[in-house]
Every structure is written in structure tokens, then in C-alpha cells.
Amino acid sequence: MADKIHSDTKLWKGAISPAVIASVILVIIMTIAKGRSGLLGGLLASVTVIIFFSVHLLVARLSRNLDPMATMALAMFSYFTKVILMGAFLVLVTKFTDPATVDRMSFAISAILIIIVWLFGEIRSFLKLRLQLPLPSKEGINYES
């Protein structure tokens, strides 16, 4: 059972490792460049991006055995919920934190670069997967037509 890892788990593992490494590097760079506000901006971006993209893969894992229509509905609900929550989160951060406390540029640069690294890690993992697609059974298929 341990050697049978689901493809979405492989995608997550392939994306989380480079994203965490990029997060650590970017937090260090932003701290050096902007001080404490850069540190907080980089940390906030790291946590936000990693949670946001991990939720996407969790929804994919939960919906893998559902009907395609239900999967699409769940994916759309998940997407719109994440967009609304992300928008609310960003509004709260901009309204209730001082730019001297959380550097906006550090947040933006870190978030964009971590997203890029996450997506490349996920794409790389996907290309390494050997997905086995079920073939139709020979029963009921007339090959002599």
C-alpha cells in the first residue's frame, strides 16, 4: 500500500519541495533587502501561496472518484471560494497592516516567484507520472464491423 501513492500526492510532493526551497530563499533575500517588513511580506506570501495551491490539489484528491459533472462543480466551487477568500485576505492585509510592517513589494515579488516555482514543479511531476488509463473491455465491442 505504501508504494501505491496517488498521482495527486506525487504532484503535491513534486510542487511543494521546490516551492518551500524558493520560499526560504526569497524570505532571506527580502529580509536582507527590506528588513523586518520584507521578512513578514515574504513569509506571508509563502504561506498564502502554499496553502492556496495545496487546497487545489486536496480538492482534486477528494473528487477523483466523483462523477465528472460533480467534479467540475466541486472544482468551480473551490476555485471561486479560493478567489473570494484570497481577495478578502488581501483586502484585510492592506487595510489592517501598515506598509512599514508588511512590505507590499516583497509580498508581491515573493508570491509571483513562488507561484512560478510551484507550477513548474507540478508540471515537472505531471510529466514524470505514468498514468494508466483504463482500456475498454473486449466484451460488447465488435471489432469485425
N, C-alpha and C. Protein backbone atom coordinates (compact mmCIF):
# COMPACT_ATOMS: atom_id res chain seq x y z
N MET A 1 0.82 -1.18 0.00
CA MET A 1 0.00 0.00 0.00
C MET A 1 0.87 1.25 0.00
N ALA A 2 2.01 1.19 0.67
CA ALA A 2 2.88 2.37 0.77
C ALA A 2 3.49 2.74 -0.58
N ASP A 3 3.70 1.74 -1.45
CA ASP A 3 4.29 2.06 -2.75
C ASP A 3 3.25 2.53 -3.76
N LYS A 4 1.99 2.47 -3.40
CA LYS A 4 0.92 2.92 -4.28
C LYS A 4 0.48 4.32 -3.90
N ILE A 5 1.25 5.30 -4.32
CA ILE A 5 0.95 6.69 -3.99
C ILE A 5 0.09 7.25 -5.11
N HIS A 6 -0.95 7.98 -4.73
CA HIS A 6 -1.85 8.58 -5.71
C HIS A 6 -1.12 9.65 -6.51
N SER A 7 -1.57 9.86 -7.74
CA SER A 7 -0.91 10.81 -8.62
C SER A 7 -0.99 12.24 -8.07
N ASP A 8 -2.10 12.59 -7.41
CA ASP A 8 -2.19 13.94 -6.87
C ASP A 8 -1.21 14.14 -5.72
N THR A 9 -0.92 13.08 -4.97
CA THR A 9 0.09 13.17 -3.91
C THR A 9 1.47 13.37 -4.52
N LYS A 10 1.74 12.69 -5.63
CA LYS A 10 3.01 12.88 -6.32
C LYS A 10 3.13 14.30 -6.87
N LEU A 11 2.02 14.82 -7.39
CA LEU A 11 2.04 16.20 -7.88
C LEU A 11 2.33 17.17 -6.74
N TRP A 12 1.69 16.95 -5.60
CA TRP A 12 1.89 17.83 -4.45
C TRP A 12 3.33 17.76 -3.96
N LYS A 13 3.86 16.55 -3.85
CA LYS A 13 5.25 16.40 -3.40
C LYS A 13 6.22 17.03 -4.38
N GLY A 14 5.92 16.89 -5.67
CA GLY A 14 6.80 17.48 -6.69
C GLY A 14 6.74 18.99 -6.72
N ALA A 15 5.65 19.57 -6.24
CA ALA A 15 5.50 21.02 -6.25
C ALA A 15 5.91 21.64 -4.92
N ILE A 16 5.66 20.95 -3.81
CA ILE A 16 5.90 21.55 -2.50
C ILE A 16 7.40 21.71 -2.22
N SER A 17 8.20 20.75 -2.63
CA SER A 17 9.63 20.82 -2.34
C SER A 17 10.29 22.06 -2.96
N PRO A 18 10.16 22.26 -4.28
CA PRO A 18 10.77 23.47 -4.84
C PRO A 18 10.13 24.76 -4.33
N ALA A 19 8.83 24.72 -4.02
CA ALA A 19 8.16 25.92 -3.52
C ALA A 19 8.68 26.30 -2.14
N VAL A 20 8.92 25.32 -1.28
CA VAL A 20 9.45 25.61 0.05
C VAL A 20 10.88 26.12 -0.05
N ILE A 21 11.68 25.51 -0.92
CA ILE A 21 13.05 25.98 -1.12
C ILE A 21 13.05 27.42 -1.63
N ALA A 22 12.21 27.70 -2.62
CA ALA A 22 12.11 29.06 -3.15
C ALA A 22 11.62 30.03 -2.07
N SER A 23 10.69 29.58 -1.23
CA SER A 23 10.17 30.42 -0.16
C SER A 23 11.27 30.80 0.82
N VAL A 24 12.07 29.83 1.22
CA VAL A 24 13.16 30.11 2.17
C VAL A 24 14.16 31.09 1.55
N ILE A 25 14.53 30.86 0.30
CA ILE A 25 15.48 31.75 -0.37
C ILE A 25 14.90 33.16 -0.49
N LEU A 26 13.65 33.25 -0.89
CA LEU A 26 13.03 34.57 -1.06
C LEU A 26 12.83 35.30 0.27
N VAL A 27 12.50 34.58 1.32
CA VAL A 27 12.37 35.22 2.63
C VAL A 27 13.72 35.79 3.06
N ILE A 28 14.78 35.04 2.84
CA ILE A 28 16.12 35.53 3.18
C ILE A 28 16.47 36.76 2.35
N ILE A 29 16.21 36.70 1.05
CA ILE A 29 16.51 37.84 0.16
C ILE A 29 15.69 39.06 0.56
N MET A 30 14.40 38.87 0.81
CA MET A 30 13.53 40.00 1.17
C MET A 30 13.90 40.58 2.53
N THR A 31 14.36 39.73 3.44
CA THR A 31 14.80 40.21 4.74
C THR A 31 16.05 41.06 4.60
N ILE A 32 16.98 40.61 3.78
CA ILE A 32 18.20 41.38 3.55
C ILE A 32 17.87 42.70 2.87
N ALA A 33 16.97 42.65 1.88
CA ALA A 33 16.65 43.86 1.10
C ALA A 33 15.79 44.86 1.87
N LYS A 34 14.80 44.39 2.62
CA LYS A 34 13.83 45.30 3.22
C LYS A 34 13.76 45.23 4.74
N GLY A 35 14.50 44.34 5.34
CA GLY A 35 14.46 44.23 6.80
C GLY A 35 13.26 43.43 7.28
N ARG A 36 12.77 43.82 8.45
CA ARG A 36 11.67 43.07 9.07
C ARG A 36 10.40 43.08 8.21
N SER A 37 10.09 44.20 7.56
CA SER A 37 8.89 44.25 6.72
C SER A 37 9.03 43.32 5.51
N GLY A 38 10.22 43.18 4.98
CA GLY A 38 10.47 42.23 3.89
C GLY A 38 10.33 40.80 4.36
N LEU A 39 10.79 40.54 5.58
CA LEU A 39 10.64 39.21 6.17
C LEU A 39 9.16 38.85 6.30
N LEU A 40 8.37 39.77 6.85
CA LEU A 40 6.95 39.49 7.02
C LEU A 40 6.22 39.39 5.67
N GLY A 41 6.59 40.22 4.71
CA GLY A 41 5.99 40.14 3.38
C GLY A 41 6.30 38.82 2.70
N GLY A 42 7.56 38.38 2.78
CA GLY A 42 7.96 37.10 2.19
C GLY A 42 7.31 35.91 2.87
N LEU A 43 7.24 35.95 4.21
CA LEU A 43 6.60 34.86 4.95
C LEU A 43 5.10 34.78 4.64
N LEU A 44 4.46 35.92 4.61
CA LEU A 44 3.03 35.96 4.31
C LEU A 44 2.75 35.43 2.90
N ALA A 45 3.58 35.82 1.94
CA ALA A 45 3.41 35.33 0.57
C ALA A 45 3.64 33.82 0.50
N SER A 46 4.64 33.34 1.20
CA SER A 46 4.95 31.90 1.19
C SER A 46 3.79 31.08 1.72
N VAL A 47 3.30 31.46 2.88
CA VAL A 47 2.20 30.72 3.49
C VAL A 47 0.94 30.79 2.62
N THR A 48 0.66 31.97 2.11
CA THR A 48 -0.54 32.16 1.29
C THR A 48 -0.51 31.30 0.03
N VAL A 49 0.59 31.34 -0.69
CA VAL A 49 0.69 30.59 -1.95
C VAL A 49 0.66 29.09 -1.69
N ILE A 50 1.39 28.63 -0.70
CA ILE A 50 1.45 27.19 -0.44
C ILE A 50 0.08 26.66 -0.01
N ILE A 51 -0.62 27.39 0.84
CA ILE A 51 -1.96 26.95 1.24
C ILE A 51 -2.92 26.98 0.05
N PHE A 52 -2.88 28.07 -0.72
CA PHE A 52 -3.78 28.24 -1.85
C PHE A 52 -3.63 27.08 -2.85
N PHE A 53 -2.41 26.75 -3.21
CA PHE A 53 -2.21 25.69 -4.20
C PHE A 53 -2.38 24.29 -3.61
N SER A 54 -2.11 24.12 -2.33
CA SER A 54 -2.32 22.82 -1.71
C SER A 54 -3.81 22.49 -1.63
N VAL A 55 -4.63 23.49 -1.38
CA VAL A 55 -6.08 23.28 -1.35
C VAL A 55 -6.57 22.78 -2.71
N HIS A 56 -6.02 23.33 -3.78
CA HIS A 56 -6.40 22.89 -5.12
C HIS A 56 -6.15 21.39 -5.31
N LEU A 57 -4.97 20.93 -4.90
CA LEU A 57 -4.65 19.51 -5.05
C LEU A 57 -5.46 18.64 -4.09
N LEU A 58 -5.82 19.19 -2.92
CA LEU A 58 -6.66 18.45 -1.99
C LEU A 58 -8.06 18.24 -2.58
N VAL A 59 -8.60 19.27 -3.20
CA VAL A 59 -9.91 19.15 -3.84
C VAL A 59 -9.84 18.12 -4.97
N ALA A 60 -8.75 18.13 -5.73
CA ALA A 60 -8.59 17.13 -6.80
C ALA A 60 -8.56 15.72 -6.22
N ARG A 61 -7.91 15.57 -5.09
CA ARG A 61 -7.84 14.24 -4.47
C ARG A 61 -9.21 13.80 -3.96
N LEU A 62 -9.96 14.71 -3.38
CA LEU A 62 -11.27 14.37 -2.84
C LEU A 62 -12.28 14.05 -3.93
N SER A 63 -12.08 14.62 -5.11
CA SER A 63 -13.07 14.46 -6.17
C SER A 63 -12.67 13.43 -7.23
N ARG A 64 -11.63 12.69 -7.01
CA ARG A 64 -11.15 11.78 -8.06
C ARG A 64 -12.12 10.65 -8.38
N ASN A 65 -12.98 10.26 -7.45
CA ASN A 65 -13.92 9.17 -7.69
C ASN A 65 -15.34 9.64 -7.97
N LEU A 66 -15.51 10.96 -8.10
CA LEU A 66 -16.84 11.51 -8.33
C LEU A 66 -17.20 11.49 -9.81
N ASP A 67 -18.46 11.65 -10.06
CA ASP A 67 -18.96 11.83 -11.42
C ASP A 67 -18.29 13.07 -12.03
N PRO A 68 -18.01 13.06 -13.33
CA PRO A 68 -17.35 14.22 -13.96
C PRO A 68 -18.10 15.54 -13.75
N MET A 69 -19.41 15.52 -13.77
CA MET A 69 -20.17 16.75 -13.54
C MET A 69 -20.00 17.23 -12.10
N ALA A 70 -20.02 16.31 -11.16
CA ALA A 70 -19.81 16.68 -9.76
C ALA A 70 -18.39 17.18 -9.54
N THR A 71 -17.44 16.57 -10.22
CA THR A 71 -16.05 17.02 -10.12
C THR A 71 -15.91 18.44 -10.64
N MET A 72 -16.54 18.72 -11.76
CA MET A 72 -16.48 20.07 -12.33
C MET A 72 -17.15 21.08 -11.40
N ALA A 73 -18.29 20.71 -10.85
CA ALA A 73 -18.98 21.62 -9.93
C ALA A 73 -18.13 21.88 -8.68
N LEU A 74 -17.52 20.84 -8.15
CA LEU A 74 -16.67 21.00 -6.98
C LEU A 74 -15.44 21.84 -7.30
N ALA A 75 -14.87 21.62 -8.47
CA ALA A 75 -13.69 22.41 -8.88
C ALA A 75 -14.05 23.88 -9.04
N MET A 76 -15.18 24.16 -9.66
CA MET A 76 -15.59 25.56 -9.84
C MET A 76 -15.92 26.21 -8.49
N PHE A 77 -16.61 25.48 -7.62
CA PHE A 77 -16.91 26.00 -6.29
C PHE A 77 -15.61 26.28 -5.53
N SER A 78 -14.68 25.34 -5.60
CA SER A 78 -13.39 25.51 -4.93
C SER A 78 -12.64 26.72 -5.48
N TYR A 79 -12.63 26.86 -6.79
CA TYR A 79 -11.92 27.97 -7.42
C TYR A 79 -12.51 29.31 -6.99
N PHE A 80 -13.82 29.46 -7.11
CA PHE A 80 -14.45 30.73 -6.75
C PHE A 80 -14.33 31.02 -5.25
N THR A 81 -14.41 30.00 -4.43
CA THR A 81 -14.22 30.19 -2.99
C THR A 81 -12.81 30.68 -2.69
N LYS A 82 -11.82 30.06 -3.33
CA LYS A 82 -10.44 30.48 -3.11
C LYS A 82 -10.21 31.91 -3.59
N VAL A 83 -10.77 32.27 -4.74
CA VAL A 83 -10.60 33.63 -5.26
C VAL A 83 -11.24 34.64 -4.31
N ILE A 84 -12.44 34.35 -3.83
CA ILE A 84 -13.12 35.27 -2.90
C ILE A 84 -12.35 35.37 -1.59
N LEU A 85 -11.92 34.24 -1.04
CA LEU A 85 -11.16 34.27 0.21
C LEU A 85 -9.82 34.96 0.03
N MET A 86 -9.17 34.74 -1.10
CA MET A 86 -7.89 35.40 -1.36
C MET A 86 -8.09 36.91 -1.48
N GLY A 87 -9.12 37.32 -2.17
CA GLY A 87 -9.43 38.75 -2.28
C GLY A 87 -9.71 39.36 -0.91
N ALA A 88 -10.51 38.68 -0.10
CA ALA A 88 -10.81 39.17 1.25
C ALA A 88 -9.55 39.23 2.10
N PHE A 89 -8.71 38.23 1.98
CA PHE A 89 -7.45 38.21 2.73
C PHE A 89 -6.56 39.39 2.34
N LEU A 90 -6.44 39.63 1.04
CA LEU A 90 -5.60 40.75 0.58
C LEU A 90 -6.17 42.09 1.02
N VAL A 91 -7.49 42.23 1.00
CA VAL A 91 -8.12 43.47 1.48
C VAL A 91 -7.82 43.65 2.97
N LEU A 92 -7.95 42.59 3.75
CA LEU A 92 -7.66 42.68 5.18
C LEU A 92 -6.21 43.05 5.44
N VAL A 93 -5.30 42.44 4.68
CA VAL A 93 -3.88 42.76 4.86
C VAL A 93 -3.61 44.22 4.53
N THR A 94 -4.17 44.72 3.42
CA THR A 94 -3.91 46.11 3.05
C THR A 94 -4.61 47.10 3.98
N LYS A 95 -5.76 46.74 4.53
CA LYS A 95 -6.50 47.65 5.42
C LYS A 95 -5.92 47.69 6.83
N PHE A 96 -5.50 46.51 7.33
CA PHE A 96 -5.14 46.43 8.74
C PHE A 96 -3.65 46.28 9.03
N THR A 97 -2.82 46.34 8.00
CA THR A 97 -1.38 46.35 8.26
C THR A 97 -0.76 47.57 7.61
N ASP A 98 0.23 48.08 8.26
CA ASP A 98 0.96 49.23 7.77
C ASP A 98 2.00 48.75 6.75
N PRO A 99 2.20 49.49 5.65
CA PRO A 99 3.24 49.09 4.70
C PRO A 99 4.63 48.99 5.33
N ALA A 100 4.83 49.69 6.42
CA ALA A 100 6.12 49.58 7.13
C ALA A 100 6.23 48.24 7.87
N THR A 101 5.09 47.61 8.14
CA THR A 101 5.08 46.32 8.84
C THR A 101 5.20 45.16 7.85
N VAL A 102 4.39 45.17 6.81
CA VAL A 102 4.41 44.13 5.77
C VAL A 102 4.68 44.83 4.44
N ASP A 103 5.89 44.60 3.91
CA ASP A 103 6.27 45.25 2.65
C ASP A 103 5.48 44.65 1.49
N ARG A 104 4.73 45.49 0.81
CA ARG A 104 3.86 45.03 -0.28
C ARG A 104 4.67 44.50 -1.47
N MET A 105 5.76 45.16 -1.79
CA MET A 105 6.58 44.72 -2.93
C MET A 105 7.23 43.37 -2.63
N SER A 106 7.69 43.17 -1.41
CA SER A 106 8.26 41.87 -1.03
C SER A 106 7.21 40.77 -1.13
N PHE A 107 5.99 41.08 -0.68
CA PHE A 107 4.90 40.12 -0.78
C PHE A 107 4.63 39.78 -2.24
N ALA A 108 4.50 40.80 -3.08
CA ALA A 108 4.15 40.58 -4.49
C ALA A 108 5.23 39.79 -5.22
N ILE A 109 6.48 40.20 -5.07
CA ILE A 109 7.57 39.50 -5.77
C ILE A 109 7.68 38.07 -5.28
N SER A 110 7.62 37.88 -3.96
CA SER A 110 7.71 36.52 -3.42
C SER A 110 6.56 35.65 -3.89
N ALA A 111 5.35 36.18 -3.85
CA ALA A 111 4.18 35.40 -4.27
C ALA A 111 4.29 34.99 -5.73
N ILE A 112 4.65 35.91 -6.59
CA ILE A 112 4.74 35.59 -8.02
C ILE A 112 5.82 34.54 -8.28
N LEU A 113 6.98 34.70 -7.67
CA LEU A 113 8.06 33.74 -7.91
C LEU A 113 7.75 32.37 -7.32
N ILE A 114 7.12 32.33 -6.17
CA ILE A 114 6.75 31.03 -5.58
C ILE A 114 5.68 30.35 -6.43
N ILE A 115 4.75 31.12 -6.95
CA ILE A 115 3.73 30.55 -7.85
C ILE A 115 4.39 29.94 -9.08
N ILE A 116 5.33 30.65 -9.67
CA ILE A 116 6.03 30.14 -10.86
C ILE A 116 6.77 28.84 -10.52
N VAL A 117 7.48 28.84 -9.40
CA VAL A 117 8.23 27.64 -9.00
C VAL A 117 7.26 26.49 -8.72
N TRP A 118 6.15 26.77 -8.03
CA TRP A 118 5.15 25.73 -7.75
C TRP A 118 4.63 25.12 -9.05
N LEU A 119 4.24 25.97 -9.98
CA LEU A 119 3.67 25.46 -11.23
C LEU A 119 4.68 24.65 -12.03
N PHE A 120 5.94 25.11 -12.08
CA PHE A 120 6.96 24.32 -12.78
C PHE A 120 7.18 22.97 -12.08
N GLY A 121 7.18 22.96 -10.74
CA GLY A 121 7.32 21.71 -10.01
C GLY A 121 6.16 20.76 -10.27
N GLU A 122 4.94 21.32 -10.31
CA GLU A 122 3.76 20.50 -10.57
C GLU A 122 3.78 19.96 -12.01
N ILE A 123 4.15 20.80 -12.96
CA ILE A 123 4.23 20.35 -14.35
C ILE A 123 5.30 19.29 -14.51
N ARG A 124 6.45 19.50 -13.88
CA ARG A 124 7.54 18.52 -13.95
C ARG A 124 7.08 17.18 -13.37
N SER A 125 6.38 17.22 -12.24
CA SER A 125 5.87 15.99 -11.63
C SER A 125 4.84 15.31 -12.51
N PHE A 126 3.98 16.11 -13.12
CA PHE A 126 2.96 15.55 -14.01
C PHE A 126 3.60 14.84 -15.20
N LEU A 127 4.63 15.44 -15.76
CA LEU A 127 5.29 14.83 -16.92
C LEU A 127 6.02 13.54 -16.54
N LYS A 128 6.39 13.40 -15.28
CA LYS A 128 7.05 12.18 -14.83
C LYS A 128 6.07 11.06 -14.47
N LEU A 129 4.79 11.41 -14.32
CA LEU A 129 3.79 10.40 -13.97
C LEU A 129 3.59 9.43 -15.13
N ARG A 130 3.34 8.23 -14.78
CA ARG A 130 2.99 7.22 -15.77
C ARG A 130 1.54 6.84 -15.51
N LEU A 131 0.64 7.65 -16.03
CA LEU A 131 -0.79 7.43 -15.79
C LEU A 131 -1.27 6.25 -16.61
N GLN A 132 -1.97 5.35 -15.97
CA GLN A 132 -2.54 4.20 -16.64
C GLN A 132 -4.02 4.48 -16.89
N LEU A 133 -4.36 4.65 -18.12
CA LEU A 133 -5.75 4.90 -18.48
C LEU A 133 -6.44 3.56 -18.71
N PRO A 134 -7.62 3.39 -18.16
CA PRO A 134 -8.33 2.12 -18.35
C PRO A 134 -8.78 1.96 -19.79
N LEU A 135 -8.52 0.79 -20.34
CA LEU A 135 -8.97 0.48 -21.69
C LEU A 135 -10.32 -0.22 -21.62
N PRO A 136 -11.14 -0.02 -22.62
CA PRO A 136 -12.45 -0.70 -22.60
C PRO A 136 -12.24 -2.21 -22.69
N SER A 137 -13.16 -2.94 -22.05
CA SER A 137 -13.06 -4.40 -22.09
C SER A 137 -13.46 -4.89 -23.48
N LYS A 138 -13.05 -6.09 -23.80
CA LYS A 138 -13.34 -6.65 -25.12
C LYS A 138 -14.79 -7.12 -25.23
N GLU A 139 -15.46 -7.27 -24.11
CA GLU A 139 -16.85 -7.71 -24.12
C GLU A 139 -17.72 -6.58 -24.64
N GLY A 140 -18.61 -6.90 -25.54
CA GLY A 140 -19.55 -5.91 -26.04
C GLY A 140 -19.01 -5.05 -27.17
N ILE A 141 -17.74 -5.25 -27.54
CA ILE A 141 -17.16 -4.46 -28.64
C ILE A 141 -17.01 -5.39 -29.84
N ASN A 142 -17.56 -4.98 -30.95
CA ASN A 142 -17.49 -5.77 -32.15
C ASN A 142 -16.41 -5.16 -33.06
N TYR A 143 -15.26 -5.82 -33.12
CA TYR A 143 -14.16 -5.32 -33.94
C TYR A 143 -14.30 -5.70 -35.42
N GLU A 144 -15.27 -6.54 -35.76
CA GLU A 144 -15.39 -7.04 -37.12
C GLU A 144 -16.33 -6.18 -37.98
N SER A 145 -16.84 -5.08 -37.49
CA SER A 145 -17.81 -4.27 -38.23
C SER A 145 -17.23 -3.71 -39.44
